[in-house]
Protein backbone atom coordinates (compact mmCIF):
# COMPACT_ATOMS: atom_id res chain seq x y z
CA UNK A 1 0.00 0.00 0.00
CA UNK A 2 1.29 3.47 -0.87
CA UNK A 3 2.76 5.33 2.15
CA UNK A 4 0.47 8.36 1.64
CA UNK A 5 -2.55 6.08 1.58
CA UNK A 6 -1.44 4.32 4.77
CA UNK A 7 -0.98 7.62 6.54
CA UNK A 8 -4.36 8.87 5.33
CA UNK A 9 -6.11 5.76 6.63
CA UNK A 10 -4.37 6.06 10.00
CA UNK A 11 -5.39 9.69 10.23
CA UNK A 12 -8.95 8.71 9.30
CA UNK A 13 -9.08 6.29 12.21
CA UNK A 14 -7.84 8.87 14.67
CA UNK A 15 -10.25 11.51 13.45
CA UNK A 16 -13.23 9.19 13.49
CA UNK A 17 -12.39 8.07 17.01
CA UNK A 18 -12.20 11.67 18.16
CA UNK A 19 -15.64 12.50 16.79
CA UNK A 20 -17.34 9.86 18.95
CA UNK A 21 -17.00 11.86 22.18
CA UNK A 22 -20.34 13.65 22.17
CA UNK A 23 -22.15 15.30 25.06
CA UNK A 24 -24.25 12.18 25.44
CA UNK A 25 -21.18 9.93 25.63
CA UNK A 26 -19.60 12.22 28.21
CA UNK A 27 -22.79 12.15 30.27
CA UNK A 28 -23.21 8.35 30.26
CA UNK A 29 -21.49 7.71 33.64
CA UNK A 30 -23.33 10.66 35.19
CA UNK A 31 -26.73 9.48 33.97
CA UNK A 32 -26.01 5.86 34.94
CA UNK A 33 -25.18 6.87 38.50
CA UNK A 34 -28.07 9.33 38.74
CA UNK A 35 -30.62 6.81 37.46
CA UNK A 36 -29.61 4.29 40.13
CA UNK A 37 -29.73 6.83 42.94
CA UNK A 38 -25.97 7.05 43.43
CA UNK A 39 -25.93 10.85 43.43
CA UNK A 40 -22.51 11.12 45.09
CA UNK A 41 -20.93 9.26 42.17
CA UNK A 42 -22.98 11.32 39.70
CA UNK A 43 -21.52 14.54 41.13
CA UNK A 44 -17.99 13.13 40.94
CA UNK A 45 -18.47 12.11 37.30
CA UNK A 46 -19.92 15.51 36.46
CA UNK A 47 -17.10 17.54 38.03
CA UNK A 48 -14.52 17.12 35.21
CA UNK A 49 -17.16 18.04 32.63
CA UNK A 50 -17.84 21.30 34.45
CA UNK A 51 -14.12 22.01 34.72
CA UNK A 52 -13.27 21.16 31.10
CA UNK A 53 -13.18 24.54 29.37
CA UNK A 54 -11.55 23.28 26.18
CA UNK A 55 -13.71 20.38 25.05
CA UNK A 56 -17.07 21.38 26.46
CA UNK A 57 -17.27 25.19 26.49
CA UNK A 58 -19.90 25.23 23.75
CA UNK A 59 -21.95 22.84 25.92
CA UNK A 60 -21.38 24.80 29.15
CA UNK A 61 -25.03 25.81 29.60
CA UNK A 62 -26.20 22.21 29.29
CA UNK A 63 -23.65 20.93 31.80
CA UNK A 64 -24.75 23.61 34.27
CA UNK A 65 -28.38 22.51 33.82
CA UNK A 66 -27.42 18.89 34.39
CA UNK A 67 -25.42 19.95 37.45
CA UNK A 68 -28.43 21.77 38.89
CA UNK A 69 -30.52 18.60 38.81
CA UNK A 70 -27.71 16.34 40.03
CA UNK A 71 -26.75 18.57 42.97
CA UNK A 72 -30.42 18.93 43.94
CA UNK A 73 -30.75 15.15 44.15
CA UNK A 74 -27.48 14.93 46.08
CA UNK A 75 -28.76 17.46 48.61
CA UNK A 76 -26.16 20.13 47.84
CA UNK A 77 -28.60 22.98 47.29
CA UNK A 78 -25.90 25.65 47.33
CA UNK A 79 -24.08 24.10 44.37
CA UNK A 80 -27.41 23.37 42.67
CA UNK A 81 -28.41 27.02 42.96
CA UNK A 82 -25.04 28.22 41.66
CA UNK A 83 -25.22 25.89 38.63
CA UNK A 84 -28.77 26.91 37.76
CA UNK A 85 -27.88 30.58 38.22
CA UNK A 86 -24.95 30.18 35.83
CA UNK A 87 -27.11 28.45 33.22
CA UNK A 88 -29.85 31.06 33.57
CA UNK A 89 -27.41 33.96 33.17
CA UNK A 90 -25.88 32.46 30.04
CA UNK A 91 -29.29 31.83 28.47
CA UNK A 92 -30.62 35.26 29.40
CA UNK A 93 -27.54 37.10 28.15
CA UNK A 94 -27.69 35.31 24.82
CA UNK A 95 -31.39 36.00 24.40
CA UNK A 96 -31.13 39.71 25.16
CA UNK A 97 -27.74 40.77 23.83
CA UNK A 98 -26.29 38.35 21.34
CA UNK A 99 -28.81 37.16 18.75
CA UNK A 100 -26.17 37.56 16.03
CA UNK A 101 -24.24 34.65 17.57
CA UNK A 102 -26.93 32.20 16.54
CA UNK A 103 -27.08 33.59 13.02
CA UNK A 104 -23.34 33.15 12.43
CA UNK A 105 -23.22 29.73 14.09
CA UNK A 106 -26.18 28.48 12.07
CA UNK A 107 -24.42 29.54 8.88
CA UNK A 108 -21.30 27.63 9.92
CA UNK A 109 -23.40 24.62 10.86
CA UNK A 110 -24.60 24.25 7.29
CA UNK A 111 -20.99 23.67 6.24
CA UNK A 112 -20.28 21.24 9.09
CA UNK A 113 -23.07 20.15 11.48
CA UNK A 114 -25.23 21.49 14.29
CA UNK A 115 -23.03 20.11 17.06
CA UNK A 116 -20.71 23.11 16.62
CA UNK A 117 -23.43 25.53 17.71
CA UNK A 118 -23.14 26.82 21.27
CA UNK A 119 -25.94 25.34 23.37
CA UNK A 120 -28.03 28.16 24.83
CA UNK A 121 -30.96 26.02 25.93
CA UNK A 122 -34.26 24.92 24.44
CA UNK A 123 -37.54 26.47 25.52
CA UNK A 124 -38.27 23.77 28.10
CA UNK A 125 -34.69 24.04 29.43
CA UNK A 126 -35.15 27.71 30.19
CA UNK A 127 -38.53 27.24 31.86
CA UNK A 128 -37.37 24.27 33.94
CA UNK A 129 -34.14 25.99 34.97
CA UNK A 130 -36.12 28.84 36.55
CA UNK A 131 -38.70 26.37 37.89
CA UNK A 132 -36.03 24.39 39.73
CA UNK A 133 -34.57 27.60 41.14
CA UNK A 134 -38.02 28.55 42.39
CA UNK A 135 -38.62 25.08 43.82
CA UNK A 136 -35.39 25.24 45.82
CA UNK A 137 -36.36 28.64 47.25
CA UNK A 138 -39.88 27.40 47.99
CA UNK A 139 -38.56 24.39 49.90
CA UNK A 140 -36.29 26.77 51.84
CA UNK A 141 -39.41 28.81 52.83
CA UNK A 142 -38.12 31.82 50.87
CA UNK A 143 -41.32 32.95 49.16
CA UNK A 144 -39.81 36.21 47.90
CA UNK A 145 -36.94 34.57 45.98
CA UNK A 146 -39.26 31.78 44.83
CA UNK A 147 -41.55 34.42 43.36
CA UNK A 148 -38.70 35.98 41.38
CA UNK A 149 -37.71 32.61 39.89
CA UNK A 150 -41.25 31.57 39.01
CA UNK A 151 -41.80 34.96 37.38
CA UNK A 152 -38.67 34.33 35.29
CA UNK A 153 -40.08 30.94 34.26
CA UNK A 154 -43.24 32.67 33.08
CA UNK A 155 -41.15 35.23 31.18
CA UNK A 156 -39.32 32.42 29.40
CA UNK A 157 -42.67 30.97 28.39
CA UNK A 158 -43.95 34.32 27.10
CA UNK A 159 -40.69 34.95 25.24
CA UNK A 160 -40.92 31.55 23.56
CA UNK A 161 -44.47 32.28 22.46
CA UNK A 162 -43.37 35.62 20.99
CA UNK A 163 -40.10 34.54 19.36
CA UNK A 164 -40.07 30.81 18.71
CA UNK A 165 -42.00 30.85 15.44
CA UNK A 166 -39.87 33.72 14.12
CA UNK A 167 -36.63 31.93 15.06
CA UNK A 168 -37.71 28.70 13.38
CA UNK A 169 -38.81 30.62 10.29
CA UNK A 170 -35.42 32.37 10.13
CA UNK A 171 -33.56 29.05 10.42
CA UNK A 172 -35.62 27.52 7.61
CA UNK A 173 -35.09 30.64 5.49
CA UNK A 174 -31.30 30.46 5.90
CA UNK A 175 -31.36 26.75 5.15
CA UNK A 176 -33.32 27.35 1.95
CA UNK A 177 -30.90 30.12 0.95
CA UNK A 178 -27.96 27.80 1.51
CA UNK A 179 -29.66 25.07 -0.52
CA UNK A 180 -30.22 27.47 -3.41
CA UNK A 181 -26.63 28.72 -3.30
CA UNK A 182 -25.37 25.12 -3.40
CA UNK A 183 -27.85 24.10 -6.07
CA UNK A 184 -29.49 21.40 -3.97
CA UNK A 185 -33.28 20.99 -4.08
CA UNK A 186 -34.34 20.11 -0.51
CA UNK A 187 -38.05 19.96 -1.34
CA UNK A 188 -37.42 17.46 -4.13
CA UNK A 189 -35.17 15.48 -1.76
CA UNK A 190 -37.89 15.26 0.89
CA UNK A 191 -40.35 14.00 -1.74
CA UNK A 192 -37.99 11.21 -2.80
CA UNK A 193 -39.85 7.95 -1.95
CA UNK A 194 -36.89 6.33 -0.21
CA UNK A 195 -36.10 9.40 1.88
CA UNK A 196 -39.74 10.18 2.62
CA UNK A 197 -40.31 6.64 3.85
CA UNK A 198 -37.36 7.00 6.19
CA UNK A 199 -38.71 10.24 7.66
CA UNK A 200 -42.28 8.97 7.97
CA UNK A 201 -41.21 5.76 9.64
CA UNK A 202 -38.96 7.50 12.16
CA UNK A 203 -40.91 10.66 12.90
CA UNK A 204 -44.53 9.75 12.16
CA UNK A 205 -45.57 8.73 15.70
CA UNK A 206 -43.45 11.47 17.25
CA UNK A 207 -45.13 14.20 15.21
CA UNK A 208 -48.45 13.31 16.84
CA UNK A 209 -47.20 14.25 20.32
CA UNK A 210 -48.39 17.63 21.54
CA UNK A 211 -47.42 19.70 24.54
CA UNK A 212 -49.73 21.84 26.66
CA UNK A 213 -50.10 24.90 24.42
CA UNK A 214 -48.27 28.23 24.40
CA UNK A 215 -45.08 26.45 25.60
CA UNK A 216 -46.59 25.96 29.05
CA UNK A 217 -45.16 23.50 31.59
CA UNK A 218 -48.04 22.80 34.03
CA UNK A 219 -45.58 21.84 36.79
CA UNK A 220 -44.05 25.31 36.65
CA UNK A 221 -47.44 27.02 36.60
CA UNK A 222 -48.62 24.91 39.54
CA UNK A 223 -45.62 25.83 41.68
CA UNK A 224 -46.11 29.49 40.81
CA UNK A 225 -49.76 29.21 41.88
CA UNK A 226 -48.82 27.44 45.10
CA UNK A 227 -46.32 30.15 45.92
CA UNK A 228 -49.01 32.81 45.34
CA UNK A 229 -51.37 30.90 47.62
CA UNK A 230 -48.78 30.63 50.38
CA UNK A 231 -48.06 34.37 50.15
CA UNK A 232 -51.72 34.91 51.01
CA UNK A 233 -52.31 38.50 49.89
CA UNK A 234 -55.49 39.39 47.99
CA UNK A 235 -53.71 39.89 44.66
CA UNK A 236 -51.60 36.75 45.19
CA UNK A 237 -54.70 34.67 45.93
CA UNK A 238 -56.34 35.96 42.77
CA UNK A 239 -53.29 34.97 40.74
CA UNK A 240 -53.15 31.58 42.47
CA UNK A 241 -56.76 30.96 41.48
CA UNK A 242 -55.92 31.83 37.88
CA UNK A 243 -52.90 29.51 37.80
CA UNK A 244 -54.82 26.54 39.19
CA UNK A 245 -57.79 27.03 36.87
CA UNK A 246 -55.48 27.38 33.90
CA UNK A 247 -53.81 24.06 34.75
CA UNK A 248 -57.20 22.36 35.18
CA UNK A 249 -58.07 23.39 31.64
CA UNK A 250 -54.97 21.63 30.31
CA UNK A 251 -55.62 18.33 32.08
CA UNK A 252 -58.05 15.51 31.23
CA UNK A 253 -61.36 15.95 33.01
CA UNK A 254 -60.69 12.96 35.26
CA UNK A 255 -57.49 14.58 36.57
CA UNK A 256 -58.79 18.06 37.32
CA UNK A 257 -60.25 17.60 40.81
CA UNK A 258 -57.08 18.26 42.91
CA UNK A 259 -56.11 21.50 41.16
CA UNK A 260 -59.74 22.65 41.07
CA UNK A 261 -59.81 22.09 44.85
CA UNK A 262 -56.73 24.31 45.09
CA UNK A 263 -58.43 26.95 42.96
CA UNK A 264 -61.58 26.85 45.07
CA UNK A 265 -59.56 27.14 48.29
CA UNK A 266 -57.66 30.18 46.99
CA UNK A 267 -60.87 31.76 45.72
CA UNK A 268 -62.60 31.23 49.07
CA UNK A 269 -59.62 32.73 50.87
CA UNK A 270 -60.12 35.93 48.88
CA UNK A 271 -63.46 36.22 50.69
CA UNK A 272 -61.87 35.64 54.09
CA UNK A 273 -62.24 31.87 54.45
CA UNK A 274 -59.11 30.23 55.82
CA UNK A 275 -57.45 27.71 53.50
CA UNK A 276 -57.70 24.30 55.23
CA UNK A 277 -54.33 22.88 56.36
CA UNK A 278 -53.22 20.74 53.43
CA UNK A 279 -50.32 18.49 52.45
CA UNK A 280 -49.20 19.00 48.84
CA UNK A 281 -47.13 16.09 47.46
CA UNK A 282 -45.17 16.28 44.19
CA UNK A 283 -43.33 13.33 42.64
CA UNK A 284 -40.79 13.74 39.85
CA UNK A 285 -40.63 10.28 38.32
CA UNK A 286 -38.33 8.68 35.77
CA UNK A 287 -35.82 10.17 33.35
CA UNK A 288 -36.23 12.58 30.45
CA UNK A 289 -36.17 11.62 26.76
CA UNK A 290 -32.82 11.22 25.04
CA UNK A 291 -31.65 11.64 21.45
CA UNK A 292 -30.34 8.88 19.24
CA UNK A 293 -28.64 9.21 15.87
CA UNK A 294 -30.72 8.06 12.92
CA UNK A 295 -29.23 7.38 9.47
CA UNK A 296 -31.50 8.05 6.50
CA UNK A 297 -30.46 7.85 2.84
CA UNK A 298 -30.91 11.15 1.02
CA UNK A 299 -30.72 11.65 -2.77
CA UNK A 300 -27.75 13.38 -4.41
CA UNK A 301 -29.39 13.41 -7.86
CA UNK A 302 -26.17 11.98 -9.34
CA UNK A 303 -26.33 8.93 -11.60
CA UNK A 304 -23.13 7.40 -10.22
CA UNK A 305 -23.91 8.13 -6.56
CA UNK A 306 -27.71 8.29 -6.16
CA UNK A 307 -27.83 8.33 -2.34
CA UNK A 308 -25.72 9.12 0.71
CA UNK A 309 -26.44 8.44 4.37
CA UNK A 310 -27.21 11.49 6.54
CA UNK A 311 -27.44 11.68 10.33
CA UNK A 312 -30.60 13.03 11.99
CA UNK A 313 -31.58 13.23 15.67
CA UNK A 314 -34.40 10.96 16.86
CA UNK A 315 -36.12 11.53 20.19
CA UNK A 316 -36.48 8.38 22.30
CA UNK A 317 -38.24 7.86 25.60
CA UNK A 318 -36.79 6.36 28.76
CA UNK A 319 -38.74 3.55 30.38
CA UNK A 320 -38.67 2.32 33.97
CA UNK A 321 -40.36 5.21 35.78
CA UNK A 322 -42.54 4.64 38.86
CA UNK A 323 -46.14 5.34 37.84
CA UNK A 324 -48.18 7.42 40.29
CA UNK A 325 -48.43 7.25 44.07
CA UNK A 326 -50.93 7.08 46.94
CA UNK A 327 -50.94 9.29 50.03
CA UNK A 328 -52.24 8.13 53.41
CA UNK A 329 -52.77 10.37 56.42
CA UNK A 330 -55.23 10.59 59.31
CA UNK A 331 -57.22 7.60 58.14
CA UNK A 332 -57.68 9.10 54.66
CA UNK A 333 -56.15 8.16 51.33
CA UNK A 334 -55.60 10.09 48.12
CA UNK A 335 -54.38 9.09 44.67
CA UNK A 336 -52.22 11.19 42.36
CA UNK A 337 -52.80 12.82 39.00
CA UNK A 338 -50.29 13.21 36.19
CA UNK A 339 -49.62 16.92 36.52
CA UNK A 340 -47.04 17.13 33.72
CA UNK A 341 -45.89 14.68 31.07
CA UNK A 342 -42.38 15.97 30.38
CA UNK A 343 -42.11 13.59 27.42
CA UNK A 344 -44.85 15.63 25.76
CA UNK A 345 -43.17 18.93 26.64
CA UNK A 346 -39.80 17.86 25.22
CA UNK A 347 -41.40 16.22 22.16
CA UNK A 348 -43.30 19.35 21.18
CA UNK A 349 -40.15 21.45 21.53
CA UNK A 350 -38.30 18.93 19.35
CA UNK A 351 -41.08 18.78 16.75
CA UNK A 352 -41.11 22.55 16.36
CA UNK A 353 -37.39 22.56 15.55
CA UNK A 354 -37.37 19.39 13.45
CA UNK A 355 -38.21 20.87 10.00
CA UNK A 356 -35.27 23.30 10.28
CA UNK A 357 -32.96 20.52 11.50
CA UNK A 358 -33.95 18.31 8.57
CA UNK A 359 -33.38 21.06 6.01
CA UNK A 360 -29.98 22.03 7.41
CA UNK A 361 -28.88 18.38 7.53
CA UNK A 362 -30.04 17.74 3.97
CA UNK A 363 -28.08 20.70 2.64
CA UNK A 364 -25.00 20.00 4.72
CA UNK A 365 -24.76 16.26 4.02
CA UNK A 366 -25.65 16.43 0.33
CA UNK A 367 -23.38 19.32 -0.62
CA UNK A 368 -20.36 17.78 1.15
CA UNK A 369 -20.94 14.44 -0.59
CA UNK A 370 -21.42 16.06 -4.00
CA UNK A 371 -18.30 18.21 -3.58
CA UNK A 372 -16.24 15.15 -2.66
CA UNK A 373 -17.54 13.20 -5.65
CA UNK A 374 -16.86 16.01 -8.13
CA UNK A 375 -13.34 16.57 -6.75
CA UNK A 376 -12.60 12.86 -6.98
CA UNK A 377 -13.88 12.69 -10.56
CA UNK A 378 -11.71 15.66 -11.59
CA UNK A 379 -8.61 14.20 -9.91
CA UNK A 380 -9.11 10.73 -11.40
CA UNK A 381 -8.68 12.20 -14.86
CA UNK A 382 -5.10 13.10 -13.97
CA UNK A 383 -3.79 10.94 -11.12
CA UNK A 384 -5.28 7.81 -9.54
CA UNK A 385 -3.39 8.29 -6.26
CA UNK A 386 -4.68 11.83 -5.98
CA UNK A 387 -8.22 10.60 -6.59
CA UNK A 388 -7.80 7.97 -3.87
CA UNK A 389 -6.53 10.52 -1.35
CA UNK A 390 -9.37 12.89 -2.19
CA UNK A 391 -11.85 10.05 -1.71
CA UNK A 392 -10.32 9.18 1.66
CA UNK A 393 -10.14 12.82 2.73
CA UNK A 394 -13.69 13.42 1.60
CA UNK A 395 -14.93 10.37 3.46
CA UNK A 396 -13.15 11.51 6.61
CA UNK A 397 -14.65 14.97 6.33
CA UNK A 398 -18.15 13.69 5.66
CA UNK A 399 -18.18 11.16 8.50
CA UNK A 400 -16.51 13.47 11.01
CA UNK A 401 -18.95 16.30 10.28
CA UNK A 402 -22.05 14.24 9.46
CA UNK A 403 -23.17 13.90 13.07
CA UNK A 404 -26.57 14.68 14.54
CA UNK A 405 -26.89 17.07 17.45
CA UNK A 406 -27.83 14.80 20.37
CA UNK A 407 -27.64 17.38 23.14
CA UNK A 408 -30.57 17.48 25.54
CA UNK A 409 -31.11 17.83 29.32
CA UNK A 410 -31.00 14.18 30.39
CA UNK A 411 -31.65 14.45 34.15
CA UNK A 412 -35.08 16.03 33.91
CA UNK A 413 -38.00 13.81 34.98
CA UNK A 414 -40.26 11.85 32.67
CA UNK A 415 -43.45 12.59 34.64
CA UNK A 416 -44.54 14.85 37.48
CA UNK A 417 -47.40 13.57 39.69
CA UNK A 418 -49.44 15.57 42.19
CA UNK A 419 -51.59 14.60 45.16
CA UNK A 420 -53.12 16.58 48.03
CA UNK A 421 -54.63 15.46 51.31
CA UNK A 422 -56.00 17.27 54.39
CA UNK A 423 -53.29 17.76 57.00
CA UNK A 424 -53.66 15.02 59.66
CA UNK A 425 -53.99 15.86 63.34
CA UNK A 426 -51.08 13.54 64.20
CA UNK A 427 -48.77 15.29 61.71
CA UNK A 428 -47.76 12.11 59.87
CA UNK A 429 -48.07 11.21 56.19
CA UNK A 430 -47.11 8.00 54.42
CA UNK A 431 -46.62 7.61 50.68
CA UNK A 432 -46.63 4.53 48.45
CA UNK A 433 -45.12 4.88 45.01
CA UNK A 434 -46.51 3.08 42.01
CA UNK A 435 -43.64 0.57 42.16
CA UNK A 436 -44.66 -0.47 45.68
CA UNK A 437 -41.99 1.49 47.56
CA UNK A 438 -43.20 2.93 50.85
CA UNK A 439 -41.95 6.33 51.96
CA UNK A 440 -42.42 7.66 55.45
CA UNK A 441 -43.61 8.35 57.95
CA UNK A 442 -43.02 11.98 56.98
CA UNK A 443 -43.62 14.69 59.54
CA UNK A 444 -46.01 17.37 58.27
CA UNK A 445 -47.70 20.44 59.72
CA UNK A 446 -51.10 19.75 61.26
CA UNK A 447 -52.25 23.38 61.43
CA UNK A 448 -50.87 24.72 58.15
CA UNK A 449 -49.61 23.72 54.70
CA UNK A 450 -46.75 21.30 53.99
CA UNK A 451 -45.04 20.71 50.64
CA UNK A 452 -43.45 17.30 50.12
CA UNK A 453 -41.24 16.81 47.05
CA UNK A 454 -39.91 13.45 45.87
CA UNK A 455 -37.48 12.54 43.09
CA UNK A 456 -37.52 8.89 41.96
CA UNK A 457 -35.48 8.38 38.76
CA UNK A 458 -36.26 4.68 38.31
CA UNK A 459 -38.43 1.85 39.62
CA UNK A 460 -36.97 0.45 42.82
CA UNK A 461 -34.64 3.40 43.49
CA UNK A 462 -35.42 5.01 46.88
CA UNK A 463 -36.68 8.53 46.21
CA UNK A 464 -35.02 11.69 47.47
CA UNK A 465 -37.50 13.34 49.85
CA UNK A 466 -37.58 17.03 50.73
CA UNK A 467 -40.32 18.84 52.58
CA UNK A 468 -41.13 22.22 54.09
CA UNK A 469 -43.74 23.00 56.73
CA UNK A 470 -45.52 26.34 57.08
CA UNK A 471 -47.00 26.59 60.61
CA UNK A 472 -50.55 27.86 60.76
CA UNK A 473 -52.88 29.05 63.48
CA UNK A 474 -53.62 26.41 66.09
């Protein structure tokens, strides 16, 4: 074998090996430890990722989000707050002051792939980041700081409603412009029977999944309403009523009763009726969806090379989550409702971005393959070795840059369940998760409200339990 060819093949192997270290691969030991409840190991595995400024700077926001969830589960609320603050600041700064960054990075991504783009958070990332900050403040009895964080979560939702469609439209516009400049017909490519079948098979069921409308996360809205209710002022109680009724409208009729009871209690309190002492229990169950790489053949419209494989992201759902719970206290029992299906929230966010992702990937993958083919054909007319090296170099470039963007917040929950029960006179509550695990007894307030929060990442894993009691009048 010619020495230049040998060296090229060796270089190809090294380059291909280096491209395998994605965010998802880096997070595997963190997620494995987190999912089994070994949060101390999860924090240790996450530490080098947070400290690595060279390899992971473009993913910094995502690592901070992951750190927020991991530190919360580990009980280090100070580090959790710092990580979530850092993620929030980076996302907010980008949104307000640096929109041109996304424009330039998107243009570069068409020539390479979307993994080079700095991760500034998806819509649900931003909302859940502020929601977790608010939850931590709420469980520390700091209603003022909780209010600030929940207000930020609502602002993220409003901003997404105002800007998301325009951002997606701009991405698709730039993708179409790039396709035209490269002479590649993306619409014709998507109508190709082989390619269309690949898209329909992979994305058909996913496209049917819908979120809760206007980018809302009911879990976030519920916590905001609960914070308003705990604050207890007339205007706060009015806003609490609105939050609870809004959530009820998003839920199936069979699941509305608990939040309607919250709405009725807040509404009655506006007229001077004391809100009955209540225990509010929230369970974050399971693990968030993840992204896999999907290869679909796309047409090049060349007789000699009709198709080339292109890499697209495919959302997949994590199984093994405890389903529901039952609360027992004072001789009474209450079941739970599914307050938020985070799979639906993430899926809708993904579906909104998918057309732009597909167009960019079509243009990027096809134009690189066509350029390599044409260069190889031109070189083969003069020198066979040169043609071989161009083919090898082109293959290296295509494979190393033809990678789907698989970045997503992996430590979010799959489901959030909610149950409420009148506060018992003996101040003790017991909980049974859907997988049969028993939690408690948990001490609760008998004369005022108590919030109990549980995080159970997988069936059989003992949940992390946090609670806060707000003493009421005896």
